[in-house]
Amino acid sequence: MSKTEKQLIGEKGESEAVKWLRQKGFSVLERNYWTKWGELDIVTKKGAEIVFVEVKTVSKPSALANTIAKTSQNVKHETFKDLKTTSDDDYEPEDNIH
């Protein structure tokens, strides 16, 4: 199955984010890691801290403000609550349900 233009743009954005994170000293542990509450685009580590990264890629700069507004409206409090309570001990690569 061929990928849509949206999927290709998303992959490019994730790849750029990975490059930027590595330049900042982060180690990339996982990409497209699936959990019970959804997909995490990138799982990174810097020192003892594990960081979950959600990447939003837009193809046109004018779309950025609209994307931010929609994302802010669609994010559920429970998702952030789950992520805030997730510790290093909760992240297990073998739990990836993808």
PDB file of N, CA and C in Angstrom:
ATOM      1  N   MET A   1       0.847  -1.176   0.000  1.00  0.00           N
ATOM      2  CA  MET A   1       0.000   0.000   0.000  1.00  0.00           C
ATOM      3  C   MET A   1       0.893   1.240   0.000  1.00  0.00           C
ATOM      4  N   SER A   2       0.635   2.153  -0.918  1.00  0.00           N
ATOM      5  CA  SER A   2       1.453   3.360  -0.986  1.00  0.00           C
ATOM      6  C   SER A   2       0.995   4.371   0.062  1.00  0.00           C
ATOM      7  N   LYS A   3       1.931   5.201   0.468  1.00  0.00           N
ATOM      8  CA  LYS A   3       1.656   6.180   1.516  1.00  0.00           C
ATOM      9  C   LYS A   3       1.034   7.435   0.921  1.00  0.00           C
ATOM     10  N   THR A   4       0.187   8.072   1.717  1.00  0.00           N
ATOM     11  CA  THR A   4      -0.437   9.316   1.286  1.00  0.00           C
ATOM     12  C   THR A   4       0.564  10.459   1.423  1.00  0.00           C
ATOM     13  N   GLU A   5       0.247  11.575   0.792  1.00  0.00           N
ATOM     14  CA  GLU A   5       1.101  12.759   0.900  1.00  0.00           C
ATOM     15  C   GLU A   5       1.211  13.202   2.361  1.00  0.00           C
ATOM     16  N   LYS A   6       0.111  13.118   3.083  1.00  0.00           N
ATOM     17  CA  LYS A   6       0.101  13.497   4.498  1.00  0.00           C
ATOM     18  C   LYS A   6       1.057  12.610   5.304  1.00  0.00           C
ATOM     19  N   GLN A   7       1.053  11.301   5.023  1.00  0.00           N
ATOM     20  CA  GLN A   7       1.951  10.381   5.730  1.00  0.00           C
ATOM     21  C   GLN A   7       3.414  10.686   5.406  1.00  0.00           C
ATOM     22  N   LEU A   8       3.694  10.989   4.139  1.00  0.00           N
ATOM     23  CA  LEU A   8       5.061  11.306   3.736  1.00  0.00           C
ATOM     24  C   LEU A   8       5.550  12.592   4.402  1.00  0.00           C
ATOM     25  N   ILE A   9       4.680  13.597   4.483  1.00  0.00           N
ATOM     26  CA  ILE A   9       5.033  14.849   5.159  1.00  0.00           C
ATOM     27  C   ILE A   9       5.288  14.579   6.635  1.00  0.00           C
ATOM     28  N   GLY A  10       4.440  13.761   7.255  1.00  0.00           N
ATOM     29  CA  GLY A  10       4.614  13.417   8.663  1.00  0.00           C
ATOM     30  C   GLY A  10       5.927  12.704   8.926  1.00  0.00           C
ATOM     31  N   GLU A  11       6.280  11.754   8.059  1.00  0.00           N
ATOM     32  CA  GLU A  11       7.546  11.032   8.215  1.00  0.00           C
ATOM     33  C   GLU A  11       8.739  11.972   8.082  1.00  0.00           C
ATOM     34  N   LYS A  12       8.646  12.905   7.131  1.00  0.00           N
ATOM     35  CA  LYS A  12       9.733  13.874   6.950  1.00  0.00           C
ATOM     36  C   LYS A  12       9.881  14.730   8.206  1.00  0.00           C
ATOM     37  N   GLY A  13       8.769  15.171   8.760  1.00  0.00           N
ATOM     38  CA  GLY A  13       8.810  15.973   9.983  1.00  0.00           C
ATOM     39  C   GLY A  13       9.405  15.207  11.146  1.00  0.00           C
ATOM     40  N   GLU A  14       9.030  13.935  11.284  1.00  0.00           N
ATOM     41  CA  GLU A  14       9.589  13.109  12.360  1.00  0.00           C
ATOM     42  C   GLU A  14      11.089  12.914  12.174  1.00  0.00           C
ATOM     43  N   SER A  15      11.518  12.714  10.936  1.00  0.00           N
ATOM     44  CA  SER A  15      12.950  12.548  10.673  1.00  0.00           C
ATOM     45  C   SER A  15      13.724  13.815  11.013  1.00  0.00           C
ATOM     46  N   GLU A  16      13.154  14.971  10.681  1.00  0.00           N
ATOM     47  CA  GLU A  16      13.797  16.244  11.035  1.00  0.00           C
ATOM     48  C   GLU A  16      13.851  16.417  12.550  1.00  0.00           C
ATOM     49  N   ALA A  17      12.785  16.022  13.232  1.00  0.00           N
ATOM     50  CA  ALA A  17      12.760  16.116  14.695  1.00  0.00           C
ATOM     51  C   ALA A  17      13.826  15.213  15.310  1.00  0.00           C
ATOM     52  N   VAL A  18      13.997  14.010  14.765  1.00  0.00           N
ATOM     53  CA  VAL A  18      15.024  13.084  15.261  1.00  0.00           C
ATOM     54  C   VAL A  18      16.412  13.699  15.084  1.00  0.00           C
ATOM     55  N   LYS A  19      16.666  14.292  13.918  1.00  0.00           N
ATOM     56  CA  LYS A  19      17.975  14.932  13.695  1.00  0.00           C
ATOM     57  C   LYS A  19      18.213  16.033  14.719  1.00  0.00           C
ATOM     58  N   TRP A  20      17.204  16.870  14.944  1.00  0.00           N
ATOM     59  CA  TRP A  20      17.322  17.976  15.893  1.00  0.00           C
ATOM     60  C   TRP A  20      17.565  17.451  17.309  1.00  0.00           C
ATOM     61  N   LEU A  21      16.812  16.435  17.709  1.00  0.00           N
ATOM     62  CA  LEU A  21      16.970  15.861  19.049  1.00  0.00           C
ATOM     63  C   LEU A  21      18.372  15.290  19.240  1.00  0.00           C
ATOM     64  N   ARG A  22      18.881  14.595  18.241  1.00  0.00           N
ATOM     65  CA  ARG A  22      20.242  14.038  18.336  1.00  0.00           C
ATOM     66  C   ARG A  22      21.281  15.149  18.445  1.00  0.00           C
ATOM     67  N   GLN A  23      21.077  16.240  17.698  1.00  0.00           N
ATOM     68  CA  GLN A  23      22.000  17.379  17.791  1.00  0.00           C
ATOM     69  C   GLN A  23      21.991  17.989  19.190  1.00  0.00           C
ATOM     70  N   LYS A  24      20.872  17.872  19.882  1.00  0.00           N
ATOM     71  CA  LYS A  24      20.740  18.411  21.238  1.00  0.00           C
ATOM     72  C   LYS A  24      21.171  17.408  22.307  1.00  0.00           C
ATOM     73  N   GLY A  25      21.681  16.249  21.896  1.00  0.00           N
ATOM     74  CA  GLY A  25      22.208  15.286  22.849  1.00  0.00           C
ATOM     75  C   GLY A  25      21.252  14.202  23.306  1.00  0.00           C
ATOM     76  N   PHE A  26      20.101  14.097  22.670  1.00  0.00           N
ATOM     77  CA  PHE A  26      19.137  13.049  23.022  1.00  0.00           C
ATOM     78  C   PHE A  26      19.464  11.762  22.265  1.00  0.00           C
ATOM     79  N   SER A  27      19.237  10.637  22.892  1.00  0.00           N
ATOM     80  CA  SER A  27      19.314   9.331  22.232  1.00  0.00           C
ATOM     81  C   SER A  27      17.891   8.922  21.873  1.00  0.00           C
ATOM     82  N   VAL A  28      17.689   8.484  20.650  1.00  0.00           N
ATOM     83  CA  VAL A  28      16.361   8.050  20.220  1.00  0.00           C
ATOM     84  C   VAL A  28      16.212   6.570  20.554  1.00  0.00           C
ATOM     85  N   LEU A  29      15.237   6.270  21.403  1.00  0.00           N
ATOM     86  CA  LEU A  29      14.986   4.891  21.825  1.00  0.00           C
ATOM     87  C   LEU A  29      13.986   4.187  20.918  1.00  0.00           C
ATOM     88  N   GLU A  30      12.959   4.919  20.499  1.00  0.00           N
ATOM     89  CA  GLU A  30      11.880   4.331  19.685  1.00  0.00           C
ATOM     90  C   GLU A  30      11.293   5.394  18.766  1.00  0.00           C
ATOM     91  N   ARG A  31      10.746   4.937  17.653  1.00  0.00           N
ATOM     92  CA  ARG A  31       9.899   5.774  16.800  1.00  0.00           C
ATOM     93  C   ARG A  31       8.597   5.017  16.594  1.00  0.00           C
ATOM     94  N   ASN A  32       7.503   5.743  16.597  1.00  0.00           N
ATOM     95  CA  ASN A  32       6.166   5.164  16.389  1.00  0.00           C
ATOM     96  C   ASN A  32       5.893   4.045  17.391  1.00  0.00           C
ATOM     97  N   TYR A  33       6.020   4.373  18.658  1.00  0.00           N
ATOM     98  CA  TYR A  33       5.816   3.434  19.762  1.00  0.00           C
ATOM     99  C   TYR A  33       4.347   3.461  20.157  1.00  0.00           C
ATOM    100  N   TRP A  34       3.694   2.304  20.114  1.00  0.00           N
ATOM    101  CA  TRP A  34       2.267   2.220  20.423  1.00  0.00           C
ATOM    102  C   TRP A  34       2.041   1.839  21.874  1.00  0.00           C
ATOM    103  N   THR A  35       1.128   2.563  22.521  1.00  0.00           N
ATOM    104  CA  THR A  35       0.753   2.305  23.906  1.00  0.00           C
ATOM    105  C   THR A  35      -0.756   2.104  23.958  1.00  0.00           C
ATOM    106  N   LYS A  36      -1.269   1.825  25.138  1.00  0.00           N
ATOM    107  CA  LYS A  36      -2.715   1.640  25.282  1.00  0.00           C
ATOM    108  C   LYS A  36      -3.494   2.914  24.984  1.00  0.00           C
ATOM    109  N   TRP A  37      -2.870   4.084  25.087  1.00  0.00           N
ATOM    110  CA  TRP A  37      -3.580   5.335  24.827  1.00  0.00           C
ATOM    111  C   TRP A  37      -3.250   5.932  23.473  1.00  0.00           C
ATOM    112  N   GLY A  38      -2.426   5.272  22.675  1.00  0.00           N
ATOM    113  CA  GLY A  38      -2.139   5.762  21.337  1.00  0.00           C
ATOM    114  C   GLY A  38      -0.666   5.682  20.995  1.00  0.00           C
ATOM    115  N   GLU A  39      -0.299   6.348  19.915  1.00  0.00           N
ATOM    116  CA  GLU A  39       1.067   6.297  19.419  1.00  0.00           C
ATOM    117  C   GLU A  39       1.898   7.459  19.941  1.00  0.00           C
ATOM    118  N   LEU A  40       3.124   7.158  20.317  1.00  0.00           N
ATOM    119  CA  LEU A  40       4.122   8.177  20.635  1.00  0.00           C
ATOM    120  C   LEU A  40       5.051   8.245  19.427  1.00  0.00           C
ATOM    121  N   ASP A  41       5.202   9.435  18.857  1.00  0.00           N
ATOM    122  CA  ASP A  41       6.021   9.552  17.650  1.00  0.00           C
ATOM    123  C   ASP A  41       7.479   9.192  17.912  1.00  0.00           C
ATOM    124  N   ILE A  42       8.041   9.750  18.989  1.00  0.00           N
ATOM    125  CA  ILE A  42       9.455   9.518  19.297  1.00  0.00           C
ATOM    126  C   ILE A  42       9.611   9.363  20.806  1.00  0.00           C
ATOM    127  N   VAL A  43      10.380   8.368  21.215  1.00  0.00           N
ATOM    128  CA  VAL A  43      10.752   8.199  22.618  1.00  0.00           C
ATOM    129  C   VAL A  43      12.254   8.430  22.681  1.00  0.00           C
ATOM    130  N   THR A  44      12.676   9.411  23.486  1.00  0.00           N
ATOM    131  CA  THR A  44      14.092   9.760  23.570  1.00  0.00           C
ATOM    132  C   THR A  44      14.567   9.709  25.012  1.00  0.00           C
ATOM    133  N   LYS A  45      15.875   9.786  25.145  1.00  0.00           N
ATOM    134  CA  LYS A  45      16.459   9.802  26.483  1.00  0.00           C
ATOM    135  C   LYS A  45      17.651  10.748  26.475  1.00  0.00           C
ATOM    136  N   LYS A  46      17.745  11.533  27.539  1.00  0.00           N
ATOM    137  CA  LYS A  46      18.907  12.396  27.745  1.00  0.00           C
ATOM    138  C   LYS A  46      19.255  12.288  29.219  1.00  0.00           C
ATOM    139  N   GLY A  47      20.419  11.746  29.504  1.00  0.00           N
ATOM    140  CA  GLY A  47      20.761  11.475  30.891  1.00  0.00           C
ATOM    141  C   GLY A  47      19.835  10.407  31.424  1.00  0.00           C
ATOM    142  N   ALA A  48      19.252  10.663  32.583  1.00  0.00           N
ATOM    143  CA  ALA A  48      18.329   9.696  33.190  1.00  0.00           C
ATOM    144  C   ALA A  48      16.880   9.956  32.802  1.00  0.00           C
ATOM    145  N   GLU A  49      16.638  11.007  32.024  1.00  0.00           N
ATOM    146  CA  GLU A  49      15.267  11.420  31.711  1.00  0.00           C
ATOM    147  C   GLU A  49      14.798  10.843  30.378  1.00  0.00           C
ATOM    148  N   ILE A  50      13.634  10.198  30.396  1.00  0.00           N
ATOM    149  CA  ILE A  50      12.994   9.725  29.170  1.00  0.00           C
ATOM    150  C   ILE A  50      11.961  10.764  28.760  1.00  0.00           C
ATOM    151  N   VAL A  51      11.988  11.126  27.468  1.00  0.00           N
ATOM    152  CA  VAL A  51      11.104  12.169  26.951  1.00  0.00           C
ATOM    153  C   VAL A  51      10.271  11.588  25.812  1.00  0.00           C
ATOM    154  N   PHE A  52       8.945  11.802  25.887  1.00  0.00           N
ATOM    155  CA  PHE A  52       8.026  11.380  24.836  1.00  0.00           C
ATOM    156  C   PHE A  52       7.746  12.595  23.957  1.00  0.00           C
ATOM    157  N   VAL A  53       7.926  12.441  22.640  1.00  0.00           N
ATOM    158  CA  VAL A  53       7.799  13.567  21.715  1.00  0.00           C
ATOM    159  C   VAL A  53       6.671  13.302  20.724  1.00  0.00           C
ATOM    160  N   GLU A  54       5.752  14.246  20.629  1.00  0.00           N
ATOM    161  CA  GLU A  54       4.695  14.223  19.619  1.00  0.00           C
ATOM    162  C   GLU A  54       5.077  15.251  18.565  1.00  0.00           C
ATOM    163  N   VAL A  55       5.163  14.834  17.318  1.00  0.00           N
ATOM    164  CA  VAL A  55       5.572  15.716  16.229  1.00  0.00           C
ATOM    165  C   VAL A  55       4.347  16.093  15.410  1.00  0.00           C
ATOM    166  N   LYS A  56       4.195  17.376  15.158  1.00  0.00           N
ATOM    167  CA  LYS A  56       3.148  17.871  14.266  1.00  0.00           C
ATOM    168  C   LYS A  56       3.849  18.575  13.116  1.00  0.00           C
ATOM    169  N   THR A  57       3.648  18.091  11.910  1.00  0.00           N
ATOM    170  CA  THR A  57       4.311  18.640  10.736  1.00  0.00           C
ATOM    171  C   THR A  57       3.275  19.323   9.856  1.00  0.00           C
ATOM    172  N   VAL A  58       3.608  20.517   9.393  1.00  0.00           N
ATOM    173  CA  VAL A  58       2.733  21.220   8.456  1.00  0.00           C
ATOM    174  C   VAL A  58       3.509  21.459   7.171  1.00  0.00           C
ATOM    175  N   SER A  59       2.813  21.445   6.057  1.00  0.00           N
ATOM    176  CA  SER A  59       3.473  21.624   4.767  1.00  0.00           C
ATOM    177  C   SER A  59       3.596  23.095   4.377  1.00  0.00           C
ATOM    178  N   LYS A  60       2.789  23.952   5.004  1.00  0.00           N
ATOM    179  CA  LYS A  60       2.825  25.388   4.699  1.00  0.00           C
ATOM    180  C   LYS A  60       2.897  26.165   6.006  1.00  0.00           C
ATOM    181  N   PRO A  61       3.777  27.163   6.087  1.00  0.00           N
ATOM    182  CA  PRO A  61       3.878  27.940   7.330  1.00  0.00           C
ATOM    183  C   PRO A  61       2.549  28.551   7.773  1.00  0.00           C
ATOM    184  N   SER A  62       1.690  28.929   6.831  1.00  0.00           N
ATOM    185  CA  SER A  62       0.412  29.542   7.196  1.00  0.00           C
ATOM    186  C   SER A  62      -0.504  28.560   7.915  1.00  0.00           C
ATOM    187  N   ALA A  63      -0.259  27.275   7.730  1.00  0.00           N
ATOM    188  CA  ALA A  63      -1.089  26.257   8.371  1.00  0.00           C
ATOM    189  C   ALA A  63      -0.700  26.031   9.826  1.00  0.00           C
ATOM    190  N   LEU A  64       0.446  26.561  10.245  1.00  0.00           N
ATOM    191  CA  LEU A  64       0.949  26.290  11.591  1.00  0.00           C
ATOM    192  C   LEU A  64       0.006  26.787  12.676  1.00  0.00           C
ATOM    193  N   ALA A  65      -0.452  28.023  12.588  1.00  0.00           N
ATOM    194  CA  ALA A  65      -1.340  28.572  13.622  1.00  0.00           C
ATOM    195  C   ALA A  65      -2.632  27.765  13.703  1.00  0.00           C
ATOM    196  N   ASN A  66      -3.177  27.395  12.563  1.00  0.00           N
ATOM    197  CA  ASN A  66      -4.401  26.597  12.528  1.00  0.00           C
ATOM    198  C   ASN A  66      -4.167  25.219  13.152  1.00  0.00           C
ATOM    199  N   THR A  67      -3.025  24.615  12.865  1.00  0.00           N
ATOM    200  CA  THR A  67      -2.692  23.300  13.424  1.00  0.00           C
ATOM    201  C   THR A  67      -2.567  23.374  14.935  1.00  0.00           C
ATOM    202  N   ILE A  68      -1.895  24.405  15.430  1.00  0.00           N
ATOM    203  CA  ILE A  68      -1.731  24.574  16.877  1.00  0.00           C
ATOM    204  C   ILE A  68      -3.088  24.741  17.543  1.00  0.00           C
ATOM    205  N   ALA A  69      -3.953  25.541  16.952  1.00  0.00           N
ATOM    206  CA  ALA A  69      -5.276  25.776  17.533  1.00  0.00           C
ATOM    207  C   ALA A  69      -6.079  24.473  17.585  1.00  0.00           C
ATOM    208  N   LYS A  70      -6.094  23.722  16.497  1.00  0.00           N
ATOM    209  CA  LYS A  70      -6.847  22.468  16.460  1.00  0.00           C
ATOM    210  C   LYS A  70      -6.274  21.459  17.447  1.00  0.00           C
ATOM    211  N   THR A  71      -4.955  21.379  17.507  1.00  0.00           N
ATOM    212  CA  THR A  71      -4.317  20.428  18.418  1.00  0.00           C
ATOM    213  C   THR A  71      -4.668  20.759  19.852  1.00  0.00           C
ATOM    214  N   SER A  72      -4.622  22.031  20.200  1.00  0.00           N
ATOM    215  CA  SER A  72      -4.938  22.442  21.567  1.00  0.00           C
ATOM    216  C   SER A  72      -6.365  22.064  21.936  1.00  0.00           C
ATOM    217  N   GLN A  73      -7.279  22.177  20.989  1.00  0.00           N
ATOM    218  CA  GLN A  73      -8.673  21.847  21.259  1.00  0.00           C
ATOM    219  C   GLN A  73      -8.887  20.343  21.392  1.00  0.00           C
ATOM    220  N   ASN A  74      -8.104  19.554  20.662  1.00  0.00           N
ATOM    221  CA  ASN A  74      -8.334  18.112  20.605  1.00  0.00           C
ATOM    222  C   ASN A  74      -7.602  17.315  21.672  1.00  0.00           C
ATOM    223  N   VAL A  75      -6.618  17.909  22.316  1.00  0.00           N
ATOM    224  CA  VAL A  75      -5.852  17.173  23.323  1.00  0.00           C
ATOM    225  C   VAL A  75      -6.718  16.946  24.549  1.00  0.00           C
ATOM    226  N   LYS A  76      -6.744  15.730  25.012  1.00  0.00           N
ATOM    227  CA  LYS A  76      -7.552  15.391  26.176  1.00  0.00           C
ATOM    228  C   LYS A  76      -6.697  15.448  27.430  1.00  0.00           C
ATOM    229  N   HIS A  77      -7.267  15.953  28.491  1.00  0.00           N
ATOM    230  CA  HIS A  77      -6.561  16.065  29.763  1.00  0.00           C
ATOM    231  C   HIS A  77      -6.050  14.711  30.234  1.00  0.00           C
ATOM    232  N   GLU A  78      -6.816  13.655  30.006  1.00  0.00           N
ATOM    233  CA  GLU A  78      -6.423  12.329  30.471  1.00  0.00           C
ATOM    234  C   GLU A  78      -5.100  11.895  29.851  1.00  0.00           C
ATOM    235  N   THR A  79      -4.880  12.254  28.587  1.00  0.00           N
ATOM    236  CA  THR A  79      -3.633  11.881  27.924  1.00  0.00           C
ATOM    237  C   THR A  79      -2.457  12.498  28.649  1.00  0.00           C
ATOM    238  N   PHE A  80      -2.542  13.796  28.952  1.00  0.00           N
ATOM    239  CA  PHE A  80      -1.454  14.453  29.659  1.00  0.00           C
ATOM    240  C   PHE A  80      -1.304  13.884  31.061  1.00  0.00           C
ATOM    241  N   LYS A  81      -2.421  13.577  31.708  1.00  0.00           N
ATOM    242  CA  LYS A  81      -2.356  12.995  33.049  1.00  0.00           C
ATOM    243  C   LYS A  81      -1.608  11.664  32.995  1.00  0.00           C
ATOM    244  N   ASP A  82      -1.928  10.833  31.997  1.00  0.00           N
ATOM    245  CA  ASP A  82      -1.237   9.552  31.848  1.00  0.00           C
ATOM    246  C   ASP A  82       0.252   9.753  31.605  1.00  0.00           C
ATOM    247  N   LEU A  83       0.597  10.700  30.737  1.00  0.00           N
ATOM    248  CA  LEU A  83       2.009  10.923  30.442  1.00  0.00           C
ATOM    249  C   LEU A  83       2.751  11.477  31.646  1.00  0.00           C
ATOM    250  N   LYS A  84       2.104  12.356  32.416  1.00  0.00           N
ATOM    251  CA  LYS A  84       2.752  12.928  33.594  1.00  0.00           C
ATOM    252  C   LYS A  84       3.046  11.866  34.642  1.00  0.00           C
ATOM    253  N   THR A  85       2.202  10.860  34.723  1.00  0.00           N
ATOM    254  CA  THR A  85       2.400   9.845  35.751  1.00  0.00           C
ATOM    255  C   THR A  85       3.256   8.684  35.256  1.00  0.00           C
ATOM    256  N   THR A  86       3.654   8.731  33.994  1.00  0.00           N
ATOM    257  CA  THR A  86       4.507   7.681  33.457  1.00  0.00           C
ATOM    258  C   THR A  86       5.944   7.959  33.868  1.00  0.00           C
ATOM    259  N   SER A  87       6.590   6.975  34.433  1.00  0.00           N
ATOM    260  CA  SER A  87       7.981   7.142  34.851  1.00  0.00           C
ATOM    261  C   SER A  87       8.878   6.266  33.995  1.00  0.00           C
ATOM    262  N   ASP A  88      10.182   6.405  34.197  1.00  0.00           N
ATOM    263  CA  ASP A  88      11.143   5.563  33.489  1.00  0.00           C
ATOM    264  C   ASP A  88      10.804   4.094  33.681  1.00  0.00           C
ATOM    265  N   ASP A  89      10.313   3.744  34.855  1.00  0.00           N
ATOM    266  CA  ASP A  89      10.012   2.350  35.160  1.00  0.00           C
ATOM    267  C   ASP A  89       8.840   1.819  34.338  1.00  0.00           C
ATOM    268  N   ASP A  90       7.973   2.712  33.831  1.00  0.00           N
ATOM    269  CA  ASP A  90       6.798   2.290  33.070  1.00  0.00           C
ATOM    270  C   ASP A  90       7.105   2.026  31.598  1.00  0.00           C
ATOM    271  N   TYR A  91       8.191   2.586  31.081  1.00  0.00           N
ATOM    272  CA  TYR A  91       8.529   2.440  29.665  1.00  0.00           C
ATOM    273  C   TYR A  91       9.271   1.127  29.454  1.00  0.00           C
ATOM    274  N   GLU A  92       8.694   0.248  28.671  1.00  0.00           N
ATOM    275  CA  GLU A  92       9.315  -1.036  28.357  1.00  0.00           C
ATOM    276  C   GLU A  92       9.229  -1.254  26.848  1.00  0.00           C
ATOM    277  N   PRO A  93      10.359  -1.249  26.130  1.00  0.00           N
ATOM    278  CA  PRO A  93      10.314  -1.428  24.676  1.00  0.00           C
ATOM    279  C   PRO A  93       9.535  -2.663  24.239  1.00  0.00           C
ATOM    280  N   GLU A  94       9.593  -3.724  25.013  1.00  0.00           N
ATOM    281  CA  GLU A  94       8.888  -4.946  24.619  1.00  0.00           C
ATOM    282  C   GLU A  94       7.374  -4.813  24.727  1.00  0.00           C
ATOM    283  N   ASP A  95       6.884  -3.728  25.336  1.00  0.00           N
ATOM    284  CA  ASP A  95       5.443  -3.504  25.447  1.00  0.00           C
ATOM    285  C   ASP A  95       4.853  -2.823  24.214  1.00  0.00           C
ATOM    286  N   ASN A  96       5.673  -2.474  23.238  1.00  0.00           N
ATOM    287  CA  ASN A  96       5.201  -1.826  22.025  1.00  0.00           C
ATOM    288  C   ASN A  96       4.166  -2.732  21.364  1.00  0.00           C
ATOM    289  N   ILE A  97       2.936  -2.241  21.224  1.00  0.00           N
ATOM    290  CA  ILE A  97       1.850  -3.075  20.699  1.00  0.00           C
ATOM    291  C   ILE A  97       1.635  -2.898  19.204  1.00  0.00           C
ATOM    292  N   HIS A  98       2.553  -2.274  18.519  1.00  0.00           N
ATOM    293  CA  HIS A  98       2.457  -2.042  17.076  1.00  0.00           C
ATOM    294  C   HIS A  98       2.546  -3.333  16.318  1.00  0.00           C
TER     295      HIS A  98
END
